[in-house]
Amino acid sequence: PALAEELYLACIAEMQGLGVAVATGVFQAMMQVEIHNDGPVTVLLDSKRVF
């Protein structure tokens, strides 16, 4: 988890450095997110489930 948080923070900093607006939350916290599909494809990623 410590390395993952470092990578998470580095990714945020890199994106912000490029001028991308980045919204963040608390690392490893459970969050409710909302998705708006804007295209013909939605990709589902889940390492514990076979679709």
PDB file of N, CA and C in Angstrom:
ATOM      1  N   PRO A   1       0.795  -1.225   0.000  1.00  0.00           N
ATOM      2  CA  PRO A   1       0.000   0.000   0.000  1.00  0.00           C
ATOM      3  C   PRO A   1       0.830   1.280   0.000  1.00  0.00           C
ATOM      4  N   ALA A   2       1.985   1.268   0.661  1.00  0.00           N
ATOM      5  CA  ALA A   2       2.808   2.479   0.709  1.00  0.00           C
ATOM      6  C   ALA A   2       3.315   2.841  -0.685  1.00  0.00           C
ATOM      7  N   LEU A   3       3.782   1.855  -1.436  1.00  0.00           N
ATOM      8  CA  LEU A   3       4.255   2.113  -2.797  1.00  0.00           C
ATOM      9  C   LEU A   3       3.101   2.555  -3.685  1.00  0.00           C
ATOM     10  N   ALA A   4       1.954   1.931  -3.521  1.00  0.00           N
ATOM     11  CA  ALA A   4       0.782   2.301  -4.324  1.00  0.00           C
ATOM     12  C   ALA A   4       0.396   3.754  -4.076  1.00  0.00           C
ATOM     13  N   GLU A   5       0.447   4.184  -2.820  1.00  0.00           N
ATOM     14  CA  GLU A   5       0.095   5.575  -2.515  1.00  0.00           C
ATOM     15  C   GLU A   5       1.110   6.536  -3.130  1.00  0.00           C
ATOM     16  N   GLU A   6       2.388   6.176  -3.102  1.00  0.00           N
ATOM     17  CA  GLU A   6       3.415   7.011  -3.740  1.00  0.00           C
ATOM     18  C   GLU A   6       3.142   7.152  -5.232  1.00  0.00           C
ATOM     19  N   LEU A   7       2.802   6.042  -5.887  1.00  0.00           N
ATOM     20  CA  LEU A   7       2.507   6.080  -7.320  1.00  0.00           C
ATOM     21  C   LEU A   7       1.251   6.899  -7.603  1.00  0.00           C
ATOM     22  N   TYR A   8       0.246   6.746  -6.769  1.00  0.00           N
ATOM     23  CA  TYR A   8      -0.998   7.516  -6.877  1.00  0.00           C
ATOM     24  C   TYR A   8      -0.708   9.013  -6.799  1.00  0.00           C
ATOM     25  N   LEU A   9       0.066   9.419  -5.795  1.00  0.00           N
ATOM     26  CA  LEU A   9       0.392  10.830  -5.617  1.00  0.00           C
ATOM     27  C   LEU A   9       1.264  11.353  -6.755  1.00  0.00           C
ATOM     28  N   ALA A  10       2.188  10.532  -7.240  1.00  0.00           N
ATOM     29  CA  ALA A  10       3.041  10.933  -8.361  1.00  0.00           C
ATOM     30  C   ALA A  10       2.209  11.130  -9.625  1.00  0.00           C
ATOM     31  N   CYS A  11       1.246  10.250  -9.843  1.00  0.00           N
ATOM     32  CA  CYS A  11       0.369  10.365 -11.010  1.00  0.00           C
ATOM     33  C   CYS A  11      -0.456  11.649 -10.933  1.00  0.00           C
ATOM     34  N   ILE A  12      -0.984  11.941  -9.759  1.00  0.00           N
ATOM     35  CA  ILE A  12      -1.755  13.173  -9.566  1.00  0.00           C
ATOM     36  C   ILE A  12      -0.884  14.390  -9.862  1.00  0.00           C
ATOM     37  N   ALA A  13       0.319  14.416  -9.304  1.00  0.00           N
ATOM     38  CA  ALA A  13       1.226  15.547  -9.501  1.00  0.00           C
ATOM     39  C   ALA A  13       1.583  15.719 -10.971  1.00  0.00           C
ATOM     40  N   GLU A  14       1.822  14.612 -11.657  1.00  0.00           N
ATOM     41  CA  GLU A  14       2.169  14.666 -13.082  1.00  0.00           C
ATOM     42  C   GLU A  14       1.016  15.240 -13.900  1.00  0.00           C
ATOM     43  N   MET A  15      -0.187  14.766 -13.638  1.00  0.00           N
ATOM     44  CA  MET A  15      -1.355  15.251 -14.377  1.00  0.00           C
ATOM     45  C   MET A  15      -1.599  16.735 -14.096  1.00  0.00           C
ATOM     46  N   GLN A  16      -1.477  17.140 -12.834  1.00  0.00           N
ATOM     47  CA  GLN A  16      -1.649  18.547 -12.487  1.00  0.00           C
ATOM     48  C   GLN A  16      -0.569  19.399 -13.145  1.00  0.00           C
ATOM     49  N   GLY A  17       0.639  18.873 -13.242  1.00  0.00           N
ATOM     50  CA  GLY A  17       1.729  19.577 -13.904  1.00  0.00           C
ATOM     51  C   GLY A  17       1.472  19.805 -15.384  1.00  0.00           C
ATOM     52  N   LEU A  18       0.645  18.939 -15.974  1.00  0.00           N
ATOM     53  CA  LEU A  18       0.268  19.081 -17.381  1.00  0.00           C
ATOM     54  C   LEU A  18      -0.955  19.977 -17.556  1.00  0.00           C
ATOM     55  N   GLY A  19      -1.475  20.491 -16.446  1.00  0.00           N
ATOM     56  CA  GLY A  19      -2.627  21.378 -16.517  1.00  0.00           C
ATOM     57  C   GLY A  19      -3.972  20.676 -16.493  1.00  0.00           C
ATOM     58  N   VAL A  20      -3.978  19.381 -16.183  1.00  0.00           N
ATOM     59  CA  VAL A  20      -5.224  18.618 -16.115  1.00  0.00           C
ATOM     60  C   VAL A  20      -5.862  18.851 -14.746  1.00  0.00           C
ATOM     61  N   ALA A  21      -7.164  19.168 -14.747  1.00  0.00           N
ATOM     62  CA  ALA A  21      -7.881  19.321 -13.477  1.00  0.00           C
ATOM     63  C   ALA A  21      -8.079  17.933 -12.875  1.00  0.00           C
ATOM     64  N   VAL A  22      -7.587  17.733 -11.672  1.00  0.00           N
ATOM     65  CA  VAL A  22      -7.638  16.423 -11.023  1.00  0.00           C
ATOM     66  C   VAL A  22      -8.421  16.535  -9.717  1.00  0.00           C
ATOM     67  N   ALA A  23      -9.443  15.701  -9.567  1.00  0.00           N
ATOM     68  CA  ALA A  23     -10.174  15.613  -8.301  1.00  0.00           C
ATOM     69  C   ALA A  23      -9.642  14.397  -7.561  1.00  0.00           C
ATOM     70  N   THR A  24      -9.396  14.532  -6.282  1.00  0.00           N
ATOM     71  CA  THR A  24      -8.839  13.426  -5.510  1.00  0.00           C
ATOM     72  C   THR A  24      -9.712  13.127  -4.299  1.00  0.00           C
ATOM     73  N   GLY A  25      -9.473  11.984  -3.733  1.00  0.00           N
ATOM     74  CA  GLY A  25     -10.158  11.587  -2.505  1.00  0.00           C
ATOM     75  C   GLY A  25      -9.118  11.113  -1.510  1.00  0.00           C
ATOM     76  N   VAL A  26      -9.561  10.412  -0.506  1.00  0.00           N
ATOM     77  CA  VAL A  26      -8.659   9.859   0.500  1.00  0.00           C
ATOM     78  C   VAL A  26      -8.169   8.510  -0.006  1.00  0.00           C
ATOM     79  N   PHE A  27      -6.847   8.319  -0.067  1.00  0.00           N
ATOM     80  CA  PHE A  27      -6.282   7.072  -0.579  1.00  0.00           C
ATOM     81  C   PHE A  27      -6.781   5.891   0.238  1.00  0.00           C
ATOM     82  N   GLN A  28      -7.203   4.838  -0.421  1.00  0.00           N
ATOM     83  CA  GLN A  28      -7.726   3.589   0.133  1.00  0.00           C
ATOM     84  C   GLN A  28      -9.098   3.729   0.791  1.00  0.00           C
ATOM     85  N   ALA A  29      -9.761   4.861   0.630  1.00  0.00           N
ATOM     86  CA  ALA A  29     -11.094   5.034   1.215  1.00  0.00           C
ATOM     87  C   ALA A  29     -12.150   4.501   0.248  1.00  0.00           C
ATOM     88  N   MET A  30     -13.255   4.052   0.800  1.00  0.00           N
ATOM     89  CA  MET A  30     -14.386   3.652  -0.029  1.00  0.00           C
ATOM     90  C   MET A  30     -15.083   4.931  -0.485  1.00  0.00           C
ATOM     91  N   MET A  31     -15.365   5.016  -1.799  1.00  0.00           N
ATOM     92  CA  MET A  31     -16.013   6.208  -2.335  1.00  0.00           C
ATOM     93  C   MET A  31     -17.139   5.805  -3.269  1.00  0.00           C
ATOM     94  N   GLN A  32     -18.160   6.616  -3.308  1.00  0.00           N
ATOM     95  CA  GLN A  32     -19.227   6.468  -4.284  1.00  0.00           C
ATOM     96  C   GLN A  32     -18.813   7.304  -5.493  1.00  0.00           C
ATOM     97  N   VAL A  33     -18.832   6.710  -6.666  1.00  0.00           N
ATOM     98  CA  VAL A  33     -18.495   7.444  -7.878  1.00  0.00           C
ATOM     99  C   VAL A  33     -19.656   7.357  -8.852  1.00  0.00           C
ATOM    100  N   GLU A  34     -19.711   8.307  -9.762  1.00  0.00           N
ATOM    101  CA  GLU A  34     -20.765   8.350 -10.761  1.00  0.00           C
ATOM    102  C   GLU A  34     -20.108   8.299 -12.134  1.00  0.00           C
ATOM    103  N   ILE A  35     -20.680   7.521 -13.028  1.00  0.00           N
ATOM    104  CA  ILE A  35     -20.126   7.380 -14.369  1.00  0.00           C
ATOM    105  C   ILE A  35     -21.112   7.928 -15.394  1.00  0.00           C
ATOM    106  N   HIS A  36     -20.566   8.635 -16.365  1.00  0.00           N
ATOM    107  CA  HIS A  36     -21.348   9.119 -17.496  1.00  0.00           C
ATOM    108  C   HIS A  36     -20.697   8.547 -18.750  1.00  0.00           C
ATOM    109  N   ASN A  37     -21.331   7.578 -19.362  1.00  0.00           N
ATOM    110  CA  ASN A  37     -20.782   6.979 -20.569  1.00  0.00           C
ATOM    111  C   ASN A  37     -20.919   7.960 -21.721  1.00  0.00           C
ATOM    112  N   ASP A  38     -19.821   8.237 -22.393  1.00  0.00           N
ATOM    113  CA  ASP A  38     -19.826   9.164 -23.517  1.00  0.00           C
ATOM    114  C   ASP A  38     -19.142   8.489 -24.693  1.00  0.00           C
ATOM    115  N   GLY A  39     -19.762   7.466 -25.192  1.00  0.00           N
ATOM    116  CA  GLY A  39     -19.179   6.754 -26.316  1.00  0.00           C
ATOM    117  C   GLY A  39     -19.816   5.395 -26.481  1.00  0.00           C
ATOM    118  N   PRO A  40     -19.370   4.667 -27.477  1.00  0.00           N
ATOM    119  CA  PRO A  40     -20.000   3.381 -27.783  1.00  0.00           C
ATOM    120  C   PRO A  40     -19.504   2.217 -26.932  1.00  0.00           C
ATOM    121  N   VAL A  41     -18.479   2.424 -26.104  1.00  0.00           N
ATOM    122  CA  VAL A  41     -17.872   1.298 -25.390  1.00  0.00           C
ATOM    123  C   VAL A  41     -17.678   1.643 -23.913  1.00  0.00           C
ATOM    124  N   THR A  42     -18.014   0.710 -23.042  1.00  0.00           N
ATOM    125  CA  THR A  42     -17.666   0.801 -21.628  1.00  0.00           C
ATOM    126  C   THR A  42     -16.786  -0.400 -21.312  1.00  0.00           C
ATOM    127  N   VAL A  43     -15.624  -0.173 -20.745  1.00  0.00           N
ATOM    128  CA  VAL A  43     -14.696  -1.244 -20.411  1.00  0.00           C
ATOM    129  C   VAL A  43     -14.796  -1.508 -18.910  1.00  0.00           C
ATOM    130  N   LEU A  44     -15.079  -2.749 -18.541  1.00  0.00           N
ATOM    131  CA  LEU A  44     -15.159  -3.134 -17.132  1.00  0.00           C
ATOM    132  C   LEU A  44     -13.856  -3.799 -16.722  1.00  0.00           C
ATOM    133  N   LEU A  45     -13.239  -3.306 -15.669  1.00  0.00           N
ATOM    134  CA  LEU A  45     -12.002  -3.888 -15.158  1.00  0.00           C
ATOM    135  C   LEU A  45     -12.259  -4.388 -13.745  1.00  0.00           C
ATOM    136  N   ASP A  46     -12.030  -5.665 -13.528  1.00  0.00           N
ATOM    137  CA  ASP A  46     -12.214  -6.254 -12.201  1.00  0.00           C
ATOM    138  C   ASP A  46     -11.299  -7.460 -12.116  1.00  0.00           C
ATOM    139  N   SER A  47     -10.313  -7.412 -11.239  1.00  0.00           N
ATOM    140  CA  SER A  47      -9.323  -8.485 -11.172  1.00  0.00           C
ATOM    141  C   SER A  47      -9.855  -9.757 -10.529  1.00  0.00           C
ATOM    142  N   LYS A  48     -11.036  -9.705  -9.918  1.00  0.00           N
ATOM    143  CA  LYS A  48     -11.570 -10.874  -9.224  1.00  0.00           C
ATOM    144  C   LYS A  48     -12.792 -11.473  -9.910  1.00  0.00           C
ATOM    145  N   ARG A  49     -13.147 -10.964 -11.079  1.00  0.00           N
ATOM    146  CA  ARG A  49     -14.373 -11.426 -11.719  1.00  0.00           C
ATOM    147  C   ARG A  49     -14.127 -11.673 -13.205  1.00  0.00           C
ATOM    148  N   VAL A  50     -14.712 -12.723 -13.729  1.00  0.00           N
ATOM    149  CA  VAL A  50     -14.633 -13.017 -15.156  1.00  0.00           C
ATOM    150  C   VAL A  50     -15.966 -12.619 -15.772  1.00  0.00           C
ATOM    151  N   PHE A  51     -15.941 -11.819 -16.815  1.00  0.00           N
ATOM    152  CA  PHE A  51     -17.175 -11.354 -17.457  1.00  0.00           C
ATOM    153  C   PHE A  51     -17.543 -12.229 -18.628  1.00  0.00           C
TER     154      PHE A  51
END
